[in-house]
Each structure stands twice: as structure tokens, then as C-alpha cells.
Amino acid sequence: MAQCHPLPLIEWHDATLISIQFDWKSGTCVASFRGAPNMVAGPFRLRWSTVSDLHVPRTLGWSPSISVLSAVENPKGRYTLIYRAAYVITILTDSVMLEQ
């Protein structure tokens, strides 16, 4: 069973995105990452529940970078992941859990 922890957004810098899965029926989105240098544990997953909006562009305008530059929650329930290649993934949700 996965251990759940508080969401340390500042520690996501340089985490590597492996995959994003979205279950349409349940409104659940799971993103899998390789560990980040600032995180003690290795690979982790984020599980967003009751997702009302998910935006995942992949235009490859610059490069296919999969490393997180920054992550923020602003306002509450709107998560923004910014990648080195200037991609911005946004998730609107009521709940998120970090699983390691």
C-alpha cells in the first residue's frame, strides 16, 4: 500500500515525468515521476481526485523535456506544473495525494 505524505511542491524541481493517466469515469488523474534531487525518497506518484479540468499540451516547440522546473498551487485546487521546455500542465481538482 502506498504511503501518503504532504505535498512538498518546492521539492519537485527536476523531478522527471514518466506518465499521466486519466480515468474519465472517476475523474482521477495519476502522474508518475522519477525522484527529484531535493526529495529523500525515489519515485513518487501524484493522485488527483475529482478532477474537473486537465490541460496537458505537448507541442514540442522547444524540446521534449520531461523535467519539472516548478510546481505551484494557486489558487487552492489549481495545480500548475511548469516544465523546462515551457510546457505548462494544469489540473483543477478538489483533492491530491502524494504516494511514495
PDB file of N, CA and C in Angstrom:
ATOM      1  N   MET A   1       0.833  -1.179   0.000  1.00  0.00           N
ATOM      2  CA  MET A   1       0.000   0.000   0.000  1.00  0.00           C
ATOM      3  C   MET A   1       0.879   1.243   0.000  1.00  0.00           C
ATOM      4  N   ALA A   2       0.510   2.250  -0.773  1.00  0.00           N
ATOM      5  CA  ALA A   2       1.299   3.469  -0.902  1.00  0.00           C
ATOM      6  C   ALA A   2       1.240   4.293   0.369  1.00  0.00           C
ATOM      7  N   GLN A   3       2.369   4.913   0.708  1.00  0.00           N
ATOM      8  CA  GLN A   3       2.386   5.841   1.819  1.00  0.00           C
ATOM      9  C   GLN A   3       2.009   7.217   1.295  1.00  0.00           C
ATOM     10  N   CYS A   4       1.164   7.948   2.036  1.00  0.00           N
ATOM     11  CA  CYS A   4       0.731   9.269   1.621  1.00  0.00           C
ATOM     12  C   CYS A   4       1.416  10.314   2.485  1.00  0.00           C
ATOM     13  N   HIS A   5       1.839  11.401   1.857  1.00  0.00           N
ATOM     14  CA  HIS A   5       2.593  12.450   2.526  1.00  0.00           C
ATOM     15  C   HIS A   5       2.043  13.814   2.124  1.00  0.00           C
ATOM     16  N   PRO A   6       2.369  14.861   2.916  1.00  0.00           N
ATOM     17  CA  PRO A   6       2.011  16.215   2.480  1.00  0.00           C
ATOM     18  C   PRO A   6       2.666  16.507   1.130  1.00  0.00           C
ATOM     19  N   LEU A   7       2.117  17.428   0.394  1.00  0.00           N
ATOM     20  CA  LEU A   7       2.579  17.721  -0.959  1.00  0.00           C
ATOM     21  C   LEU A   7       3.684  18.780  -0.946  1.00  0.00           C
ATOM     22  N   PRO A   8       4.959  18.395  -1.051  1.00  0.00           N
ATOM     23  CA  PRO A   8       6.074  19.341  -1.000  1.00  0.00           C
ATOM     24  C   PRO A   8       6.367  19.941  -2.383  1.00  0.00           C
ATOM     25  N   LEU A   9       5.547  20.873  -2.821  1.00  0.00           N
ATOM     26  CA  LEU A   9       5.661  21.403  -4.185  1.00  0.00           C
ATOM     27  C   LEU A   9       7.046  21.932  -4.516  1.00  0.00           C
ATOM     28  N   ILE A  10       7.690  22.584  -3.569  1.00  0.00           N
ATOM     29  CA  ILE A  10       9.001  23.173  -3.843  1.00  0.00           C
ATOM     30  C   ILE A  10      10.050  22.108  -4.144  1.00  0.00           C
ATOM     31  N   GLU A  11       9.842  20.890  -3.672  1.00  0.00           N
ATOM     32  CA  GLU A  11      10.817  19.818  -3.857  1.00  0.00           C
ATOM     33  C   GLU A  11      10.687  19.098  -5.190  1.00  0.00           C
ATOM     34  N   TRP A  12       9.712  19.468  -6.010  1.00  0.00           N
ATOM     35  CA  TRP A  12       9.516  18.798  -7.293  1.00  0.00           C
ATOM     36  C   TRP A  12      10.533  19.208  -8.346  1.00  0.00           C
ATOM     37  N   HIS A  13      11.300  20.255  -8.117  1.00  0.00           N
ATOM     38  CA  HIS A  13      12.249  20.749  -9.113  1.00  0.00           C
ATOM     39  C   HIS A  13      13.133  19.611  -9.610  1.00  0.00           C
ATOM     40  N   ASP A  14      13.175  19.442 -10.910  1.00  0.00           N
ATOM     41  CA  ASP A  14      13.945  18.412 -11.608  1.00  0.00           C
ATOM     42  C   ASP A  14      13.393  16.992 -11.464  1.00  0.00           C
ATOM     43  N   ALA A  15      12.175  16.857 -10.938  1.00  0.00           N
ATOM     44  CA  ALA A  15      11.521  15.546 -10.985  1.00  0.00           C
ATOM     45  C   ALA A  15      11.257  15.221 -12.455  1.00  0.00           C
ATOM     46  N   THR A  16      11.282  13.961 -12.806  1.00  0.00           N
ATOM     47  CA  THR A  16      11.101  13.548 -14.197  1.00  0.00           C
ATOM     48  C   THR A  16       9.733  12.895 -14.374  1.00  0.00           C
ATOM     49  N   LEU A  17       8.918  13.481 -15.247  1.00  0.00           N
ATOM     50  CA  LEU A  17       7.594  12.939 -15.532  1.00  0.00           C
ATOM     51  C   LEU A  17       7.730  11.662 -16.361  1.00  0.00           C
ATOM     52  N   ILE A  18       7.088  10.585 -15.896  1.00  0.00           N
ATOM     53  CA  ILE A  18       7.105   9.314 -16.611  1.00  0.00           C
ATOM     54  C   ILE A  18       5.801   9.119 -17.381  1.00  0.00           C
ATOM     55  N   SER A  19       4.673   9.344 -16.695  1.00  0.00           N
ATOM     56  CA  SER A  19       3.385   9.141 -17.363  1.00  0.00           C
ATOM     57  C   SER A  19       2.284   9.911 -16.650  1.00  0.00           C
ATOM     58  N   ILE A  20       1.198  10.136 -17.395  1.00  0.00           N
ATOM     59  CA  ILE A  20      -0.027  10.721 -16.845  1.00  0.00           C
ATOM     60  C   ILE A  20      -1.171   9.826 -17.300  1.00  0.00           C
ATOM     61  N   GLN A  21      -1.985   9.392 -16.339  1.00  0.00           N
ATOM     62  CA  GLN A  21      -3.159   8.575 -16.658  1.00  0.00           C
ATOM     63  C   GLN A  21      -4.392   9.303 -16.127  1.00  0.00           C
ATOM     64  N   PHE A  22      -5.449   9.316 -16.936  1.00  0.00           N
ATOM     65  CA  PHE A  22      -6.688   9.977 -16.523  1.00  0.00           C
ATOM     66  C   PHE A  22      -7.843   8.997 -16.678  1.00  0.00           C
ATOM     67  N   ASP A  23      -8.528   8.741 -15.571  1.00  0.00           N
ATOM     68  CA  ASP A  23      -9.704   7.878 -15.579  1.00  0.00           C
ATOM     69  C   ASP A  23     -10.930   8.783 -15.705  1.00  0.00           C
ATOM     70  N   TRP A  24     -11.503   8.808 -16.888  1.00  0.00           N
ATOM     71  CA  TRP A  24     -12.609   9.713 -17.192  1.00  0.00           C
ATOM     72  C   TRP A  24     -13.805   9.491 -16.264  1.00  0.00           C
ATOM     73  N   LYS A  25     -14.181   8.236 -16.062  1.00  0.00           N
ATOM     74  CA  LYS A  25     -15.362   7.927 -15.270  1.00  0.00           C
ATOM     75  C   LYS A  25     -15.234   8.407 -13.821  1.00  0.00           C
ATOM     76  N   SER A  26     -14.082   8.144 -13.199  1.00  0.00           N
ATOM     77  CA  SER A  26     -13.899   8.523 -11.796  1.00  0.00           C
ATOM     78  C   SER A  26     -13.379   9.941 -11.614  1.00  0.00           C
ATOM     79  N   GLY A  27     -12.855  10.548 -12.699  1.00  0.00           N
ATOM     80  CA  GLY A  27     -12.281  11.887 -12.584  1.00  0.00           C
ATOM     81  C   GLY A  27     -10.970  11.894 -11.820  1.00  0.00           C
ATOM     82  N   THR A  28     -10.228  10.781 -11.917  1.00  0.00           N
ATOM     83  CA  THR A  28      -8.962  10.641 -11.203  1.00  0.00           C
ATOM     84  C   THR A  28      -7.797  10.721 -12.194  1.00  0.00           C
ATOM     85  N   CYS A  29      -6.792  11.507 -11.833  1.00  0.00           N
ATOM     86  CA  CYS A  29      -5.589  11.654 -12.649  1.00  0.00           C
ATOM     87  C   CYS A  29      -4.395  11.221 -11.804  1.00  0.00           C
ATOM     88  N   VAL A  30      -3.549  10.347 -12.369  1.00  0.00           N
ATOM     89  CA  VAL A  30      -2.348   9.886 -11.670  1.00  0.00           C
ATOM     90  C   VAL A  30      -1.139  10.212 -12.538  1.00  0.00           C
ATOM     91  N   ALA A  31      -0.198  10.956 -11.964  1.00  0.00           N
ATOM     92  CA  ALA A  31       1.055  11.273 -12.648  1.00  0.00           C
ATOM     93  C   ALA A  31       2.179  10.551 -11.914  1.00  0.00           C
ATOM     94  N   SER A  32       3.004   9.832 -12.664  1.00  0.00           N
ATOM     95  CA  SER A  32       4.139   9.100 -12.094  1.00  0.00           C
ATOM     96  C   SER A  32       5.429   9.836 -12.428  1.00  0.00           C
ATOM     97  N   PHE A  33       6.298   9.957 -11.427  1.00  0.00           N
ATOM     98  CA  PHE A  33       7.558  10.689 -11.576  1.00  0.00           C
ATOM     99  C   PHE A  33       8.710   9.847 -11.067  1.00  0.00           C
ATOM    100  N   ARG A  34       9.881  10.043 -11.674  1.00  0.00           N
ATOM    101  CA  ARG A  34      11.112   9.570 -11.054  1.00  0.00           C
ATOM    102  C   ARG A  34      11.412  10.583  -9.962  1.00  0.00           C
ATOM    103  N   GLY A  35      12.202  10.218  -9.021  1.00  0.00           N
ATOM    104  CA  GLY A  35      12.515  11.122  -7.913  1.00  0.00           C
ATOM    105  C   GLY A  35      13.157  12.422  -8.364  1.00  0.00           C
ATOM    106  N   ALA A  36      13.145  13.383  -7.458  1.00  0.00           N
ATOM    107  CA  ALA A  36      13.779  14.678  -7.677  1.00  0.00           C
ATOM    108  C   ALA A  36      14.964  14.794  -6.721  1.00  0.00           C
ATOM    109  N   PRO A  37      15.995  15.561  -7.079  1.00  0.00           N
ATOM    110  CA  PRO A  37      17.176  15.675  -6.214  1.00  0.00           C
ATOM    111  C   PRO A  37      16.862  16.146  -4.791  1.00  0.00           C
ATOM    112  N   ASN A  38      15.834  16.975  -4.619  1.00  0.00           N
ATOM    113  CA  ASN A  38      15.512  17.509  -3.294  1.00  0.00           C
ATOM    114  C   ASN A  38      14.568  16.625  -2.489  1.00  0.00           C
ATOM    115  N   MET A  39      14.121  15.520  -3.063  1.00  0.00           N
ATOM    116  CA  MET A  39      13.221  14.619  -2.348  1.00  0.00           C
ATOM    117  C   MET A  39      14.029  13.449  -1.809  1.00  0.00           C
ATOM    118  N   VAL A  40      13.758  13.080  -0.573  1.00  0.00           N
ATOM    119  CA  VAL A  40      14.504  11.992   0.071  1.00  0.00           C
ATOM    120  C   VAL A  40      14.228  10.660  -0.614  1.00  0.00           C
ATOM    121  N   ALA A  41      12.947  10.376  -0.860  1.00  0.00           N
ATOM    122  CA  ALA A  41      12.565   9.095  -1.462  1.00  0.00           C
ATOM    123  C   ALA A  41      12.752   9.129  -2.976  1.00  0.00           C
ATOM    124  N   GLY A  42      12.688   7.974  -3.587  1.00  0.00           N
ATOM    125  CA  GLY A  42      12.843   7.850  -5.033  1.00  0.00           C
ATOM    126  C   GLY A  42      11.562   8.171  -5.777  1.00  0.00           C
ATOM    127  N   PRO A  43      11.118   7.283  -6.659  1.00  0.00           N
ATOM    128  CA  PRO A  43       9.936   7.534  -7.478  1.00  0.00           C
ATOM    129  C   PRO A  43       8.705   7.855  -6.626  1.00  0.00           C
ATOM    130  N   PHE A  44       7.811   8.677  -7.193  1.00  0.00           N
ATOM    131  CA  PHE A  44       6.578   9.011  -6.493  1.00  0.00           C
ATOM    132  C   PHE A  44       5.455   9.204  -7.495  1.00  0.00           C
ATOM    133  N   ARG A  45       4.219   9.174  -6.978  1.00  0.00           N
ATOM    134  CA  ARG A  45       3.038   9.404  -7.813  1.00  0.00           C
ATOM    135  C   ARG A  45       2.188  10.478  -7.157  1.00  0.00           C
ATOM    136  N   LEU A  46       1.515  11.238  -7.986  1.00  0.00           N
ATOM    137  CA  LEU A  46       0.519  12.195  -7.510  1.00  0.00           C
ATOM    138  C   LEU A  46      -0.829  11.701  -7.989  1.00  0.00           C
ATOM    139  N   ARG A  47      -1.776  11.651  -7.071  1.00  0.00           N
ATOM    140  CA  ARG A  47      -3.120  11.200  -7.408  1.00  0.00           C
ATOM    141  C   ARG A  47      -4.083  12.349  -7.116  1.00  0.00           C
ATOM    142  N   TRP A  48      -4.658  12.909  -8.192  1.00  0.00           N
ATOM    143  CA  TRP A  48      -5.651  13.967  -8.066  1.00  0.00           C
ATOM    144  C   TRP A  48      -7.034  13.338  -8.198  1.00  0.00           C
ATOM    145  N   SER A  49      -7.939  13.657  -7.276  1.00  0.00           N
ATOM    146  CA  SER A  49      -9.300  13.127  -7.312  1.00  0.00           C
ATOM    147  C   SER A  49     -10.278  14.243  -7.636  1.00  0.00           C
ATOM    148  N   THR A  50     -11.414  13.873  -8.181  1.00  0.00           N
ATOM    149  CA  THR A  50     -12.468  14.828  -8.553  1.00  0.00           C
ATOM    150  C   THR A  50     -11.909  15.910  -9.478  1.00  0.00           C
ATOM    151  N   VAL A  51     -11.182  15.497 -10.499  1.00  0.00           N
ATOM    152  CA  VAL A  51     -10.592  16.433 -11.459  1.00  0.00           C
ATOM    153  C   VAL A  51     -11.699  17.010 -12.344  1.00  0.00           C
ATOM    154  N   SER A  52     -11.749  18.339 -12.426  1.00  0.00           N
ATOM    155  CA  SER A  52     -12.752  18.992 -13.271  1.00  0.00           C
ATOM    156  C   SER A  52     -12.147  19.543 -14.559  1.00  0.00           C
ATOM    157  N   ASP A  53     -10.818  19.687 -14.598  1.00  0.00           N
ATOM    158  CA  ASP A  53     -10.160  20.179 -15.807  1.00  0.00           C
ATOM    159  C   ASP A  53      -8.715  19.690 -15.805  1.00  0.00           C
ATOM    160  N   LEU A  54      -8.264  19.209 -16.953  1.00  0.00           N
ATOM    161  CA  LEU A  54      -6.897  18.721 -17.113  1.00  0.00           C
ATOM    162  C   LEU A  54      -6.382  19.226 -18.451  1.00  0.00           C
ATOM    163  N   HIS A  55      -5.261  19.960 -18.418  1.00  0.00           N
ATOM    164  CA  HIS A  55      -4.684  20.503 -19.643  1.00  0.00           C
ATOM    165  C   HIS A  55      -3.239  20.008 -19.733  1.00  0.00           C
ATOM    166  N   VAL A  56      -2.949  19.227 -20.804  1.00  0.00           N
ATOM    167  CA  VAL A  56      -1.629  18.623 -20.972  1.00  0.00           C
ATOM    168  C   VAL A  56      -1.139  18.868 -22.400  1.00  0.00           C
ATOM    169  N   PRO A  57      -0.536  20.039 -22.657  1.00  0.00           N
ATOM    170  CA  PRO A  57      -0.028  20.309 -24.010  1.00  0.00           C
ATOM    171  C   PRO A  57       1.269  19.547 -24.282  1.00  0.00           C
ATOM    172  N   ARG A  58       1.470  19.199 -25.523  1.00  0.00           N
ATOM    173  CA  ARG A  58       2.722  18.536 -25.933  1.00  0.00           C
ATOM    174  C   ARG A  58       3.035  18.960 -27.361  1.00  0.00           C
ATOM    175  N   THR A  59       3.382  20.219 -27.509  1.00  0.00           N
ATOM    176  CA  THR A  59       3.619  20.764 -28.844  1.00  0.00           C
ATOM    177  C   THR A  59       5.038  20.557 -29.345  1.00  0.00           C
ATOM    178  N   LEU A  60       5.955  20.263 -28.437  1.00  0.00           N
ATOM    179  CA  LEU A  60       7.372  20.061 -28.779  1.00  0.00           C
ATOM    180  C   LEU A  60       7.970  21.250 -29.516  1.00  0.00           C
ATOM    181  N   GLY A  61       7.539  22.450 -29.150  1.00  0.00           N
ATOM    182  CA  GLY A  61       8.066  23.665 -29.759  1.00  0.00           C
ATOM    183  C   GLY A  61       9.541  23.880 -29.484  1.00  0.00           C
ATOM    184  N   TRP A  62       9.993  23.492 -28.287  1.00  0.00           N
ATOM    185  CA  TRP A  62      11.397  23.684 -27.931  1.00  0.00           C
ATOM    186  C   TRP A  62      12.134  22.358 -27.927  1.00  0.00           C
ATOM    187  N   SER A  63      11.713  21.486 -27.043  1.00  0.00           N
ATOM    188  CA  SER A  63      12.356  20.176 -26.911  1.00  0.00           C
ATOM    189  C   SER A  63      11.420  19.269 -26.122  1.00  0.00           C
ATOM    190  N   PRO A  64      11.665  17.985 -26.136  1.00  0.00           N
ATOM    191  CA  PRO A  64      10.796  17.069 -25.409  1.00  0.00           C
ATOM    192  C   PRO A  64      11.168  16.931 -23.920  1.00  0.00           C
ATOM    193  N   SER A  65      11.519  18.031 -23.249  1.00  0.00           N
ATOM    194  CA  SER A  65      11.929  17.980 -21.850  1.00  0.00           C
ATOM    195  C   SER A  65      10.832  17.394 -20.971  1.00  0.00           C
ATOM    196  N   ILE A  66      11.224  16.549 -20.031  1.00  0.00           N
ATOM    197  CA  ILE A  66      10.263  15.938 -19.111  1.00  0.00           C
ATOM    198  C   ILE A  66      10.617  16.256 -17.662  1.00  0.00           C
ATOM    199  N   SER A  67      11.449  17.277 -17.442  1.00  0.00           N
ATOM    200  CA  SER A  67      11.861  17.665 -16.096  1.00  0.00           C
ATOM    201  C   SER A  67      11.060  18.861 -15.607  1.00  0.00           C
ATOM    202  N   VAL A  68      10.580  18.761 -14.372  1.00  0.00           N
ATOM    203  CA  VAL A  68       9.803  19.837 -13.764  1.00  0.00           C
ATOM    204  C   VAL A  68      10.724  21.004 -13.419  1.00  0.00           C
ATOM    205  N   LEU A  69      10.338  22.198 -13.828  1.00  0.00           N
ATOM    206  CA  LEU A  69      11.055  23.414 -13.450  1.00  0.00           C
ATOM    207  C   LEU A  69      10.479  23.944 -12.143  1.00  0.00           C
ATOM    208  N   SER A  70       9.140  24.004 -12.056  1.00  0.00           N
ATOM    209  CA  SER A  70       8.491  24.441 -10.820  1.00  0.00           C
ATOM    210  C   SER A  70       7.078  23.884 -10.750  1.00  0.00           C
ATOM    211  N   ALA A  71       6.520  23.907  -9.551  1.00  0.00           N
ATOM    212  CA  ALA A  71       5.154  23.447  -9.319  1.00  0.00           C
ATOM    213  C   ALA A  71       4.517  24.360  -8.276  1.00  0.00           C
ATOM    214  N   VAL A  72       3.273  24.770  -8.543  1.00  0.00           N
ATOM    215  CA  VAL A  72       2.573  25.653  -7.608  1.00  0.00           C
ATOM    216  C   VAL A  72       1.101  25.254  -7.509  1.00  0.00           C
ATOM    217  N   GLU A  73       0.511  25.611  -6.389  1.00  0.00           N
ATOM    218  CA  GLU A  73      -0.937  25.521  -6.229  1.00  0.00           C
ATOM    219  C   GLU A  73      -1.429  26.936  -5.985  1.00  0.00           C
ATOM    220  N   ASN A  74      -2.102  27.520  -6.981  1.00  0.00           N
ATOM    221  CA  ASN A  74      -2.587  28.892  -6.851  1.00  0.00           C
ATOM    222  C   ASN A  74      -3.648  29.151  -7.908  1.00  0.00           C
ATOM    223  N   PRO A  75      -4.862  29.435  -7.521  1.00  0.00           N
ATOM    224  CA  PRO A  75      -5.388  29.407  -6.159  1.00  0.00           C
ATOM    225  C   PRO A  75      -5.562  27.959  -5.698  1.00  0.00           C
ATOM    226  N   LYS A  76      -6.150  27.791  -4.522  1.00  0.00           N
ATOM    227  CA  LYS A  76      -6.373  26.458  -3.959  1.00  0.00           C
ATOM    228  C   LYS A  76      -7.118  25.578  -4.960  1.00  0.00           C
ATOM    229  N   GLY A  77      -6.594  24.368  -5.192  1.00  0.00           N
ATOM    230  CA  GLY A  77      -7.227  23.427  -6.103  1.00  0.00           C
ATOM    231  C   GLY A  77      -6.782  23.534  -7.546  1.00  0.00           C
ATOM    232  N   ARG A  78      -5.940  24.507  -7.886  1.00  0.00           N
ATOM    233  CA  ARG A  78      -5.400  24.639  -9.251  1.00  0.00           C
ATOM    234  C   ARG A  78      -3.891  24.386  -9.181  1.00  0.00           C
ATOM    235  N   TYR A  79      -3.490  23.243  -9.715  1.00  0.00           N
ATOM    236  CA  TYR A  79      -2.085  22.857  -9.706  1.00  0.00           C
ATOM    237  C   TYR A  79      -1.483  23.142 -11.068  1.00  0.00           C
ATOM    238  N   THR A  80      -0.308  23.771 -11.053  1.00  0.00           N
ATOM    239  CA  THR A  80       0.389  24.108 -12.287  1.00  0.00           C
ATOM    240  C   THR A  80       1.792  23.524 -12.219  1.00  0.00           C
ATOM    241  N   LEU A  81       2.118  22.683 -13.200  1.00  0.00           N
ATOM    242  CA  LEU A  81       3.453  22.109 -13.324  1.00  0.00           C
ATOM    243  C   LEU A  81       4.097  22.749 -14.545  1.00  0.00           C
ATOM    244  N   ILE A  82       5.232  23.383 -14.350  1.00  0.00           N
ATOM    245  CA  ILE A  82       5.935  24.052 -15.444  1.00  0.00           C
ATOM    246  C   ILE A  82       7.188  23.244 -15.748  1.00  0.00           C
ATOM    247  N   TYR A  83       7.362  22.911 -17.029  1.00  0.00           N
ATOM    248  CA  TYR A  83       8.490  22.095 -17.463  1.00  0.00           C
ATOM    249  C   TYR A  83       9.549  22.952 -18.108  1.00  0.00           C
ATOM    250  N   ARG A  84      10.770  22.444 -18.145  1.00  0.00           N
ATOM    251  CA  ARG A  84      11.911  23.188 -18.705  1.00  0.00           C
ATOM    252  C   ARG A  84      11.672  23.631 -20.148  1.00  0.00           C
ATOM    253  N   ALA A  85      10.894  22.888 -20.884  1.00  0.00           N
ATOM    254  CA  ALA A  85      10.638  23.236 -22.291  1.00  0.00           C
ATOM    255  C   ALA A  85       9.465  24.210 -22.421  1.00  0.00           C
ATOM    256  N   ALA A  86       9.053  24.830 -21.317  1.00  0.00           N
ATOM    257  CA  ALA A  86       7.987  25.829 -21.273  1.00  0.00           C
ATOM    258  C   ALA A  86       6.588  25.236 -21.391  1.00  0.00           C
ATOM    259  N   TYR A  87       6.452  23.924 -21.263  1.00  0.00           N
ATOM    260  CA  TYR A  87       5.119  23.331 -21.214  1.00  0.00           C
ATOM    261  C   TYR A  87       4.509  23.645 -19.857  1.00  0.00           C
ATOM    262  N   VAL A  88       3.200  23.836 -19.834  1.00  0.00           N
ATOM    263  CA  VAL A  88       2.504  24.082 -18.578  1.00  0.00           C
ATOM    264  C   VAL A  88       1.332  23.108 -18.501  1.00  0.00           C
ATOM    265  N   ILE A  89       1.375  22.219 -17.514  1.00  0.00           N
ATOM    266  CA  ILE A  89       0.288  21.286 -17.258  1.00  0.00           C
ATOM    267  C   ILE A  89      -0.533  21.855 -16.114  1.00  0.00           C
ATOM    268  N   THR A  90      -1.854  21.912 -16.304  1.00  0.00           N
ATOM    269  CA  THR A  90      -2.712  22.412 -15.231  1.00  0.00           C
ATOM    270  C   THR A  90      -3.783  21.383 -14.886  1.00  0.00           C
ATOM    271  N   ILE A  91      -4.086  21.301 -13.601  1.00  0.00           N
ATOM    272  CA  ILE A  91      -5.085  20.374 -13.085  1.00  0.00           C
ATOM    273  C   ILE A  91      -5.961  21.132 -12.096  1.00  0.00           C
ATOM    274  N   LEU A  92      -7.276  21.092 -12.318  1.00  0.00           N
ATOM    275  CA  LEU A  92      -8.223  21.646 -11.350  1.00  0.00           C
ATOM    276  C   LEU A  92      -8.844  20.478 -10.620  1.00  0.00           C
ATOM    277  N   THR A  93      -8.774  20.484  -9.292  1.00  0.00           N
ATOM    278  CA  THR A  93      -9.176  19.323  -8.500  1.00  0.00           C
ATOM    279  C   THR A  93      -9.583  19.713  -7.087  1.00  0.00           C
ATOM    280  N   ASP A  94     -10.262  18.812  -6.427  1.00  0.00           N
ATOM    281  CA  ASP A  94     -10.624  19.017  -5.030  1.00  0.00           C
ATOM    282  C   ASP A  94      -9.637  18.356  -4.079  1.00  0.00           C
ATOM    283  N   SER A  95      -8.839  17.402  -4.584  1.00  0.00           N
ATOM    284  CA  SER A  95      -8.009  16.617  -3.688  1.00  0.00           C
ATOM    285  C   SER A  95      -6.771  16.107  -4.415  1.00  0.00           C
ATOM    286  N   VAL A  96      -5.647  16.058  -3.702  1.00  0.00           N
ATOM    287  CA  VAL A  96      -4.419  15.492  -4.253  1.00  0.00           C
ATOM    288  C   VAL A  96      -3.677  14.769  -3.133  1.00  0.00           C
ATOM    289  N   MET A  97      -3.046  13.636  -3.496  1.00  0.00           N
ATOM    290  CA  MET A  97      -2.236  12.873  -2.551  1.00  0.00           C
ATOM    291  C   MET A  97      -0.905  12.532  -3.203  1.00  0.00           C
ATOM    292  N   LEU A  98       0.132  12.613  -2.421  1.00  0.00           N
ATOM    293  CA  LEU A  98       1.473  12.199  -2.837  1.00  0.00           C
ATOM    294  C   LEU A  98       1.665  10.777  -2.345  1.00  0.00           C
ATOM    295  N   GLU A  99       2.026   9.865  -3.250  1.00  0.00           N
ATOM    296  CA  GLU A  99       2.239   8.473  -2.887  1.00  0.00           C
ATOM    297  C   GLU A  99       3.682   8.092  -3.202  1.00  0.00           C
ATOM    298  N   GLN A 100       4.337   7.452  -2.205  1.00  0.00           N
ATOM    299  CA  GLN A 100       5.725   7.016  -2.418  1.00  0.00           C
ATOM    300  C   GLN A 100       5.843   5.545  -2.115  1.00  0.00           C
TER     301      GLN A 100
END
